[in-house]
Structures are given as C-alpha cells and as structure tokens.
C-alpha cells in the first residue's frame, strides 16, 4: 500500500472537546426535558422540542465558528431537520428520539452500497481528512488506489463504518422502546458520539498498521525483484 501522507492523530479531532460536548448535550437536554415535564407539564413532544434547543444552538455556533462541517456537527444539524419534518408529518416522541440514528443508519447503509461503486465512501472521507483541498496531496492519495492492498484497506474501513453506524441505529431503536424518553435523551449523545469516536480511533490505528504492513510488503517485493534479476 503506497502512502504518501501520514494519518492525522486522534488529537487532531479534539476528542477532549468532543467528550465535553457529549456531556453538555446529555445533561442540558435532559434538564430541559425534566423541567418542561415537571414544572410546565408539557406533552412529551413539546418537552423533546424544548430539549432540542441547546443542541440546535450548539450546532449552529460550531458551524459559524469553524465555517465548515465536521461529521458530528453535520449529523446533529441533519438530525434536527429530521425532527422538524417528523413533527410536520405527525411523528410521535419515539420517532423523534430515533431521528439522529436515521441519519447514522442511512450512512451505514450507504457505506455498504458504496462498496459496489468504483471507490467506497470512506476513500473519499479519508482523502478529505488527510489531503484536504491540497491538489498535490489529493493526487498522491488517489494514486494509492492502483495498489490492491490499498483498495482492500479502504473497503475494510468502509465496512467497519457501515457496521458501526447500522449497529448504532439498531441499538438506539432498542433503547427508545425499552427506556424512558428522559433516559434516552441523556444516553443519546454518548451513543452516537461514543460510536463515532471509537470508530475513528480504530480507523487511525488500523491505517497506521496498514502503512507499516504496506511498507513491509513493498520491501519484500523489492527484494524479490532483486533476486529475480540475478537469475
């Protein structure tokens, strides 16, 4: 596997900041939900809409501050859009609690579908992370595709992300239909954030392993070519 760029470290994704955001997006919506239900005696649907205020403001602030979308911010924003559509269509509170996982589930399914395309979804996601908009780095990243091992690595990473996000969707559905709405609100940020961070960390680790393994494969091939040239 030819690799001309080094994968970003996990610190580049500000995991500490993500953990803080996960805690805030668990505690504050939970508190708002309990306040709406306990003090104002609202319906579950109204309480859920009130609980969504903080994630909405937090997501908008992050987008305005960084002027770009990252995976977590995009999922949060799209989740809110799905919530609004669900309300307009008469969706109940359980559908609203599952809303964010509709998106992760869809992304997971798309990962599997993209395996049928010339290049899988996570190839493009990896190129954006590692090369950005630099044309030289993008060209070097694209050149990896000619190597069979590189194609295997990108497809395996895509499969793992597909399993992770489809699994997250399935787990959320089970939680929504077995736990209270307030408890699901408290768990949700840790669920989607935890799955995303864990899969990112696995991806970083596996890419480093693949780079070392690919380099060893190249060395062995070079030695074999030298030996063949002597015959």
Foldseek 3Di string as FASTA:
>chain_A
DDDDFAFDDLCVVVVVVLVVVLQCQQVQLLVQLCCCCPVVVDDNLVSNVRSLVVLVVVLVVVCVVVVDDDPVSVLSVQLVVQSVVCVVVPHDNLCNLLSSLVVLLVLLVQLVVQVPPPAGPVLVVRLCRTPNPPPVSSVSSVVVVVDPLSRVLRNVLSNLSSCLSNVLSVVLNVCSVPDDSSVSSNCVSCSVSVSVSVSVNVSSVVVVVSVVVVVVVVVVVVVVVVVVVVD
